[in-house]
């Protein structure tokens, strides 16, 4: 029986968007899938050795908030200084209290499970990014590299 394949395109580099590609990739790898994640544009932030991720600057209207703040956050998140940092700290604290692995831990799980993490070479060049800033063991490639695998995958996700 042929191994199932999961292809993921990760395009966002904020804290709230960092979890889905790594959770899905590590879970699929644990279930026996061959997994590749192609990081392009802002998603490349997730491959940096030193992460400084915050929640999405404009907020997410679907994000559950304490004390009824959810109806006000989309407005406050854009208007009040320090709101993004506060929401980032709250999310990190909530994740820790609930026992959710950090982004760094999830990345490490992916690497240990042989998930292929691919940085988009065109985006690295476009934004003059320093490859030394990225994790060791990642690969570099273009869209054709991704399509070669994605064309044969059982599941393809855009995150």
C-alpha atoms as a PDB file:
ATOM      1  CA  UNK A   1       0.000   0.000   0.000  1.00  0.00           C
ATOM      2  CA  UNK A   2       1.353   3.396  -1.005  1.00  0.00           C
ATOM      3  CA  UNK A   3       1.995   5.990   1.697  1.00  0.00           C
ATOM      4  CA  UNK A   4      -0.544   8.838   1.821  1.00  0.00           C
ATOM      5  CA  UNK A   5       0.739  12.350   1.146  1.00  0.00           C
ATOM      6  CA  UNK A   6      -0.172  15.743   2.595  1.00  0.00           C
ATOM      7  CA  UNK A   7       0.954  19.006   0.957  1.00  0.00           C
ATOM      8  CA  UNK A   8       0.532  22.305   2.804  1.00  0.00           C
ATOM      9  CA  UNK A   9       1.182  25.865   1.614  1.00  0.00           C
ATOM     10  CA  UNK A  10       1.846  28.209   4.568  1.00  0.00           C
ATOM     11  CA  UNK A  11       1.498  31.886   3.654  1.00  0.00           C
ATOM     12  CA  UNK A  12       0.975  33.675   6.955  1.00  0.00           C
ATOM     13  CA  UNK A  13       3.551  34.557   9.600  1.00  0.00           C
ATOM     14  CA  UNK A  14       1.573  35.544  12.684  1.00  0.00           C
ATOM     15  CA  UNK A  15       1.200  33.622  15.946  1.00  0.00           C
ATOM     16  CA  UNK A  16      -2.419  32.656  15.333  1.00  0.00           C
ATOM     17  CA  UNK A  17      -1.600  31.392  11.825  1.00  0.00           C
ATOM     18  CA  UNK A  18       1.566  29.533  12.903  1.00  0.00           C
ATOM     19  CA  UNK A  19      -0.258  26.697  14.632  1.00  0.00           C
ATOM     20  CA  UNK A  20      -2.374  25.167  11.819  1.00  0.00           C
ATOM     21  CA  UNK A  21       0.435  24.139   9.431  1.00  0.00           C
ATOM     22  CA  UNK A  22       2.601  22.661  12.196  1.00  0.00           C
ATOM     23  CA  UNK A  23      -0.243  20.894  14.024  1.00  0.00           C
ATOM     24  CA  UNK A  24      -1.610  19.404  10.805  1.00  0.00           C
ATOM     25  CA  UNK A  25       1.831  18.439   9.493  1.00  0.00           C
ATOM     26  CA  UNK A  26       2.989  16.785  12.732  1.00  0.00           C
ATOM     27  CA  UNK A  27      -0.318  14.951  13.163  1.00  0.00           C
ATOM     28  CA  UNK A  28      -0.297  13.675   9.580  1.00  0.00           C
ATOM     29  CA  UNK A  29       3.320  12.532   9.950  1.00  0.00           C
ATOM     30  CA  UNK A  30       2.379  10.670  13.156  1.00  0.00           C
ATOM     31  CA  UNK A  31      -0.410   8.975  11.195  1.00  0.00           C
ATOM     32  CA  UNK A  32       2.071   7.791   8.585  1.00  0.00           C
ATOM     33  CA  UNK A  33       1.646  10.441   5.895  1.00  0.00           C
ATOM     34  CA  UNK A  34       4.543  11.783   3.878  1.00  0.00           C
ATOM     35  CA  UNK A  35       4.299  15.547   4.482  1.00  0.00           C
ATOM     36  CA  UNK A  36       5.731  18.640   2.822  1.00  0.00           C
ATOM     37  CA  UNK A  37       5.060  22.231   3.880  1.00  0.00           C
ATOM     38  CA  UNK A  38       5.885  24.997   1.407  1.00  0.00           C
ATOM     39  CA  UNK A  39       6.431  28.351   3.184  1.00  0.00           C
ATOM     40  CA  UNK A  40       6.018  31.394   0.992  1.00  0.00           C
ATOM     41  CA  UNK A  41       5.727  35.147   1.463  1.00  0.00           C
ATOM     42  CA  UNK A  42       4.936  35.958   5.117  1.00  0.00           C
ATOM     43  CA  UNK A  43       4.827  32.266   6.007  1.00  0.00           C
ATOM     44  CA  UNK A  44       8.635  32.307   5.828  1.00  0.00           C
ATOM     45  CA  UNK A  45       8.610  34.014   9.243  1.00  0.00           C
ATOM     46  CA  UNK A  46       7.672  30.618  10.693  1.00  0.00           C
ATOM     47  CA  UNK A  47      10.988  29.117   9.581  1.00  0.00           C
ATOM     48  CA  UNK A  48      13.204  31.665  11.315  1.00  0.00           C
ATOM     49  CA  UNK A  49      15.463  30.379  14.090  1.00  0.00           C
ATOM     50  CA  UNK A  50      14.347  33.190  16.385  1.00  0.00           C
ATOM     51  CA  UNK A  51      10.599  33.671  16.383  1.00  0.00           C
ATOM     52  CA  UNK A  52       8.898  36.879  17.469  1.00  0.00           C
ATOM     53  CA  UNK A  53       5.356  36.118  16.401  1.00  0.00           C
ATOM     54  CA  UNK A  54       2.313  38.134  17.424  1.00  0.00           C
ATOM     55  CA  UNK A  55      -1.375  37.655  16.773  1.00  0.00           C
ATOM     56  CA  UNK A  56      -2.730  39.088  13.531  1.00  0.00           C
ATOM     57  CA  UNK A  57      -2.540  42.900  13.746  1.00  0.00           C
ATOM     58  CA  UNK A  58      -6.112  43.488  12.660  1.00  0.00           C
ATOM     59  CA  UNK A  59      -7.434  40.871  15.019  1.00  0.00           C
ATOM     60  CA  UNK A  60      -9.726  38.036  14.165  1.00  0.00           C
ATOM     61  CA  UNK A  61     -13.435  38.648  14.715  1.00  0.00           C
ATOM     62  CA  UNK A  62     -13.830  34.943  15.497  1.00  0.00           C
ATOM     63  CA  UNK A  63     -11.191  34.965  18.250  1.00  0.00           C
ATOM     64  CA  UNK A  64     -12.819  34.221  21.622  1.00  0.00           C
ATOM     65  CA  UNK A  65     -12.035  37.013  24.047  1.00  0.00           C
ATOM     66  CA  UNK A  66     -12.453  37.407  27.802  1.00  0.00           C
ATOM     67  CA  UNK A  67     -14.935  39.803  29.406  1.00  0.00           C
ATOM     68  CA  UNK A  68     -16.999  40.367  26.264  1.00  0.00           C
ATOM     69  CA  UNK A  69     -14.069  42.039  24.512  1.00  0.00           C
ATOM     70  CA  UNK A  70     -14.710  39.982  21.369  1.00  0.00           C
ATOM     71  CA  UNK A  71     -17.211  42.465  19.975  1.00  0.00           C
ATOM     72  CA  UNK A  72     -14.764  45.332  20.442  1.00  0.00           C
ATOM     73  CA  UNK A  73     -11.395  43.802  19.530  1.00  0.00           C
ATOM     74  CA  UNK A  74     -11.562  44.304  15.756  1.00  0.00           C
ATOM     75  CA  UNK A  75     -11.883  48.053  16.427  1.00  0.00           C
ATOM     76  CA  UNK A  76      -9.639  48.245  19.518  1.00  0.00           C
ATOM     77  CA  UNK A  77      -6.956  46.022  18.004  1.00  0.00           C
ATOM     78  CA  UNK A  78      -6.415  48.559  15.253  1.00  0.00           C
ATOM     79  CA  UNK A  79      -6.835  51.681  17.356  1.00  0.00           C
ATOM     80  CA  UNK A  80      -5.197  51.212  20.739  1.00  0.00           C
ATOM     81  CA  UNK A  81      -1.418  51.102  21.132  1.00  0.00           C
ATOM     82  CA  UNK A  82      -0.222  47.958  22.850  1.00  0.00           C
ATOM     83  CA  UNK A  83      -3.385  45.970  22.109  1.00  0.00           C
ATOM     84  CA  UNK A  84      -1.617  43.567  19.748  1.00  0.00           C
ATOM     85  CA  UNK A  85       1.114  42.862  22.327  1.00  0.00           C
ATOM     86  CA  UNK A  86      -1.506  42.339  25.033  1.00  0.00           C
ATOM     87  CA  UNK A  87      -3.514  39.918  22.891  1.00  0.00           C
ATOM     88  CA  UNK A  88      -0.329  38.023  21.960  1.00  0.00           C
ATOM     89  CA  UNK A  89       0.607  37.648  25.631  1.00  0.00           C
ATOM     90  CA  UNK A  90      -2.931  36.488  26.477  1.00  0.00           C
ATOM     91  CA  UNK A  91      -2.919  33.907  23.688  1.00  0.00           C
ATOM     92  CA  UNK A  92       0.514  32.546  24.668  1.00  0.00           C
ATOM     93  CA  UNK A  93      -0.578  32.323  28.319  1.00  0.00           C
ATOM     94  CA  UNK A  94      -3.825  30.544  27.381  1.00  0.00           C
ATOM     95  CA  UNK A  95      -1.960  28.050  25.181  1.00  0.00           C
ATOM     96  CA  UNK A  96       0.530  27.318  27.969  1.00  0.00           C
ATOM     97  CA  UNK A  97      -2.221  26.847  30.590  1.00  0.00           C
ATOM     98  CA  UNK A  98      -4.070  24.456  28.279  1.00  0.00           C
ATOM     99  CA  UNK A  99      -0.922  22.426  27.590  1.00  0.00           C
ATOM    100  CA  UNK A 100      -0.701  23.333  23.903  1.00  0.00           C
ATOM    101  CA  UNK A 101       2.803  22.914  22.509  1.00  0.00           C
ATOM    102  CA  UNK A 102       4.653  26.070  21.489  1.00  0.00           C
ATOM    103  CA  UNK A 103       5.308  26.834  17.828  1.00  0.00           C
ATOM    104  CA  UNK A 104       8.976  25.990  18.435  1.00  0.00           C
ATOM    105  CA  UNK A 105       8.027  22.595  19.893  1.00  0.00           C
ATOM    106  CA  UNK A 106       5.686  21.842  16.998  1.00  0.00           C
ATOM    107  CA  UNK A 107       8.374  22.766  14.451  1.00  0.00           C
ATOM    108  CA  UNK A 108      10.792  20.442  16.224  1.00  0.00           C
ATOM    109  CA  UNK A 109       8.199  17.636  16.159  1.00  0.00           C
ATOM    110  CA  UNK A 110       7.807  18.156  12.421  1.00  0.00           C
ATOM    111  CA  UNK A 111      11.548  17.985  11.837  1.00  0.00           C
ATOM    112  CA  UNK A 112      11.878  14.857  13.999  1.00  0.00           C
ATOM    113  CA  UNK A 113       9.047  13.245  11.997  1.00  0.00           C
ATOM    114  CA  UNK A 114      10.824  14.011   8.694  1.00  0.00           C
ATOM    115  CA  UNK A 115       8.273  16.564   7.536  1.00  0.00           C
ATOM    116  CA  UNK A 116       9.938  18.355   4.635  1.00  0.00           C
ATOM    117  CA  UNK A 117       9.933  22.110   5.330  1.00  0.00           C
ATOM    118  CA  UNK A 118      10.546  24.069   2.131  1.00  0.00           C
ATOM    119  CA  UNK A 119      11.296  27.797   1.977  1.00  0.00           C
ATOM    120  CA  UNK A 120      10.190  29.517  -1.221  1.00  0.00           C
ATOM    121  CA  UNK A 121      13.460  30.569  -2.865  1.00  0.00           C
ATOM    122  CA  UNK A 122      11.768  33.302  -4.911  1.00  0.00           C
ATOM    123  CA  UNK A 123      10.351  34.928  -1.750  1.00  0.00           C
ATOM    124  CA  UNK A 124      13.693  34.643   0.071  1.00  0.00           C
ATOM    125  CA  UNK A 125      15.321  36.453  -2.870  1.00  0.00           C
ATOM    126  CA  UNK A 126      12.475  38.965  -3.282  1.00  0.00           C
ATOM    127  CA  UNK A 127      12.666  40.142   0.334  1.00  0.00           C
ATOM    128  CA  UNK A 128      16.482  39.866   0.548  1.00  0.00           C
ATOM    129  CA  UNK A 129      16.162  37.417   3.440  1.00  0.00           C
ATOM    130  CA  UNK A 130      19.305  35.911   4.961  1.00  0.00           C
ATOM    131  CA  UNK A 131      19.238  32.096   4.747  1.00  0.00           C
ATOM    132  CA  UNK A 132      21.376  32.015   7.924  1.00  0.00           C
ATOM    133  CA  UNK A 133      18.307  33.314   9.820  1.00  0.00           C
ATOM    134  CA  UNK A 134      16.357  30.157   8.972  1.00  0.00           C
ATOM    135  CA  UNK A 135      16.261  26.807  10.749  1.00  0.00           C
ATOM    136  CA  UNK A 136      18.902  24.257   9.879  1.00  0.00           C
ATOM    137  CA  UNK A 137      17.678  21.323   7.818  1.00  0.00           C
ATOM    138  CA  UNK A 138      15.066  23.126   5.732  1.00  0.00           C
ATOM    139  CA  UNK A 139      15.091  22.993   1.955  1.00  0.00           C
ATOM    140  CA  UNK A 140      14.746  25.749  -0.622  1.00  0.00           C
ATOM    141  CA  UNK A 141      12.713  25.515  -3.789  1.00  0.00           C
ATOM    142  CA  UNK A 142      10.242  27.212  -6.033  1.00  0.00           C
ATOM    143  CA  UNK A 143       6.624  26.639  -6.915  1.00  0.00           C
ATOM    144  CA  UNK A 144       7.621  23.838  -9.288  1.00  0.00           C
ATOM    145  CA  UNK A 145       9.211  21.986  -6.356  1.00  0.00           C
ATOM    146  CA  UNK A 146       5.941  22.219  -4.460  1.00  0.00           C
ATOM    147  CA  UNK A 147       3.771  21.197  -7.419  1.00  0.00           C
ATOM    148  CA  UNK A 148       5.900  18.137  -8.049  1.00  0.00           C
ATOM    149  CA  UNK A 149       4.842  16.799  -4.634  1.00  0.00           C
ATOM    150  CA  UNK A 150       1.391  18.417  -4.417  1.00  0.00           C
ATOM    151  CA  UNK A 151       0.371  16.927  -7.758  1.00  0.00           C
ATOM    152  CA  UNK A 152       0.696  13.460  -6.253  1.00  0.00           C
ATOM    153  CA  UNK A 153      -0.642  14.285  -2.773  1.00  0.00           C
ATOM    154  CA  UNK A 154      -3.877  12.927  -1.338  1.00  0.00           C
ATOM    155  CA  UNK A 155      -4.591  16.169   0.509  1.00  0.00           C
ATOM    156  CA  UNK A 156      -3.454  19.707  -0.324  1.00  0.00           C
ATOM    157  CA  UNK A 157      -4.115  22.577   2.113  1.00  0.00           C
ATOM    158  CA  UNK A 158      -3.632  26.319   1.748  1.00  0.00           C
ATOM    159  CA  UNK A 159      -3.100  28.068   5.089  1.00  0.00           C
END
